[in-house]
Amino acid sequence: MVDKIGDDAGKVWNELELNGEMTTGALKKSLEMSPFNLNVAVGWLAREDKIAISRQGNKIKVCLK
C-alpha cells in the first residue's frame, strides 16, 4: 500500500509541475484517480512539505512549493 501511495504522490507532483496550480477535482479527472487515492497522495506530499493547499469556497487548490 505504501508503494502505491508513493507512486500516486509522484503522479500528482508531476501533474502539478506540468500544469501549475490545480483543483483537486481537476487533478482527480486528469489523473483518473479515485478520490481516496488522490487525498492520500496529496496528504503525503503535504506531509513532506512539497505542496501548498488553499481553499476557495468549496474548491481546494494545490500547487508545488
C-alpha atoms as a PDB file:
ATOM      1  CA  MET A   1       0.000   0.000   0.000  1.00  0.00           C
ATOM      2  CA  VAL A   2       2.818   2.440   0.823  1.00  0.00           C
ATOM      3  CA  ASP A   3       4.351   1.881  -2.625  1.00  0.00           C
ATOM      4  CA  LYS A   4       1.004   2.711  -4.288  1.00  0.00           C
ATOM      5  CA  ILE A   5       0.700   5.904  -2.234  1.00  0.00           C
ATOM      6  CA  GLY A   6       4.223   6.938  -3.203  1.00  0.00           C
ATOM      7  CA  ASP A   7       3.522   6.235  -6.873  1.00  0.00           C
ATOM      8  CA  ASP A   8       0.300   8.265  -6.746  1.00  0.00           C
ATOM      9  CA  ALA A   9       2.090  11.115  -4.976  1.00  0.00           C
ATOM     10  CA  GLY A  10       4.656  11.127  -7.782  1.00  0.00           C
ATOM     11  CA  LYS A  11       1.875  11.327 -10.371  1.00  0.00           C
ATOM     12  CA  VAL A  12       0.287  14.261  -8.544  1.00  0.00           C
ATOM     13  CA  TRP A  13       3.636  16.055  -8.249  1.00  0.00           C
ATOM     14  CA  ASN A  14       4.361  15.562 -11.969  1.00  0.00           C
ATOM     15  CA  GLU A  15       0.915  16.831 -12.945  1.00  0.00           C
ATOM     16  CA  LEU A  16       1.366  19.942 -10.802  1.00  0.00           C
ATOM     17  CA  GLU A  17       4.827  20.517 -12.253  1.00  0.00           C
ATOM     18  CA  LEU A  18       3.363  20.428 -15.766  1.00  0.00           C
ATOM     19  CA  ASN A  19       0.202  22.453 -15.149  1.00  0.00           C
ATOM     20  CA  GLY A  20       0.819  24.604 -12.089  1.00  0.00           C
ATOM     21  CA  GLU A  21      -1.905  25.126  -9.510  1.00  0.00           C
ATOM     22  CA  MET A  22      -4.903  22.809  -9.922  1.00  0.00           C
ATOM     23  CA  THR A  23      -8.069  21.989  -8.021  1.00  0.00           C
ATOM     24  CA  THR A  24      -8.339  18.534  -6.513  1.00  0.00           C
ATOM     25  CA  GLY A  25     -11.267  17.906  -8.864  1.00  0.00           C
ATOM     26  CA  ALA A  26      -9.126  18.717 -11.905  1.00  0.00           C
ATOM     27  CA  LEU A  27      -6.314  16.526 -10.585  1.00  0.00           C
ATOM     28  CA  LYS A  28      -8.697  13.632  -9.991  1.00  0.00           C
ATOM     29  CA  LYS A  29     -10.085  13.929 -13.515  1.00  0.00           C
ATOM     30  CA  SER A  30      -6.713  14.433 -15.197  1.00  0.00           C
ATOM     31  CA  LEU A  31      -5.051  11.525 -13.397  1.00  0.00           C
ATOM     32  CA  GLU A  32      -8.156   9.298 -13.400  1.00  0.00           C
ATOM     33  CA  MET A  33      -7.523   8.671  -9.706  1.00  0.00           C
ATOM     34  CA  SER A  34     -10.100   7.773  -7.072  1.00  0.00           C
ATOM     35  CA  PRO A  35     -10.908  10.475  -4.520  1.00  0.00           C
ATOM     36  CA  PHE A  36      -9.403   8.339  -1.738  1.00  0.00           C
ATOM     37  CA  ASN A  37      -6.122   7.739  -3.581  1.00  0.00           C
ATOM     38  CA  LEU A  38      -5.846  11.406  -4.547  1.00  0.00           C
ATOM     39  CA  ASN A  39      -6.455  12.605  -0.993  1.00  0.00           C
ATOM     40  CA  VAL A  40      -3.885  10.186   0.413  1.00  0.00           C
ATOM     41  CA  ALA A  41      -1.320  11.247  -2.215  1.00  0.00           C
ATOM     42  CA  VAL A  42      -1.973  14.940  -1.530  1.00  0.00           C
ATOM     43  CA  GLY A  43      -1.613  14.262   2.200  1.00  0.00           C
ATOM     44  CA  TRP A  44       1.693  12.503   1.576  1.00  0.00           C
ATOM     45  CA  LEU A  45       3.033  15.479  -0.389  1.00  0.00           C
ATOM     46  CA  ALA A  46       1.735  17.926   2.216  1.00  0.00           C
ATOM     47  CA  ARG A  47       3.445  15.987   4.999  1.00  0.00           C
ATOM     48  CA  GLU A  48       6.694  16.161   3.029  1.00  0.00           C
ATOM     49  CA  ASP A  49       6.139  19.950   2.676  1.00  0.00           C
ATOM     50  CA  LYS A  50       6.253  19.734  -1.128  1.00  0.00           C
ATOM     51  CA  ILE A  51       2.882  21.344  -1.862  1.00  0.00           C
ATOM     52  CA  ALA A  52       0.738  24.225  -0.702  1.00  0.00           C
ATOM     53  CA  ILE A  53      -3.002  23.738  -0.232  1.00  0.00           C
ATOM     54  CA  SER A  54      -5.579  26.525  -0.252  1.00  0.00           C
ATOM     55  CA  ARG A  55      -9.339  26.639  -0.086  1.00  0.00           C
ATOM     56  CA  GLN A  56     -11.567  28.975  -2.076  1.00  0.00           C
ATOM     57  CA  GLY A  57     -15.205  28.398  -1.275  1.00  0.00           C
ATOM     58  CA  ASN A  58     -15.831  24.713  -1.781  1.00  0.00           C
ATOM     59  CA  LYS A  59     -12.795  24.210  -4.040  1.00  0.00           C
ATOM     60  CA  ILE A  60      -9.438  23.009  -2.812  1.00  0.00           C
ATOM     61  CA  LYS A  61      -6.410  24.138  -4.823  1.00  0.00           C
ATOM     62  CA  VAL A  62      -2.990  22.526  -4.729  1.00  0.00           C
ATOM     63  CA  CYS A  63       0.342  23.794  -6.038  1.00  0.00           C
ATOM     64  CA  LEU A  64       4.014  22.946  -5.678  1.00  0.00           C
ATOM     65  CA  LYS A  65       6.085  24.942  -3.206  1.00  0.00           C
END
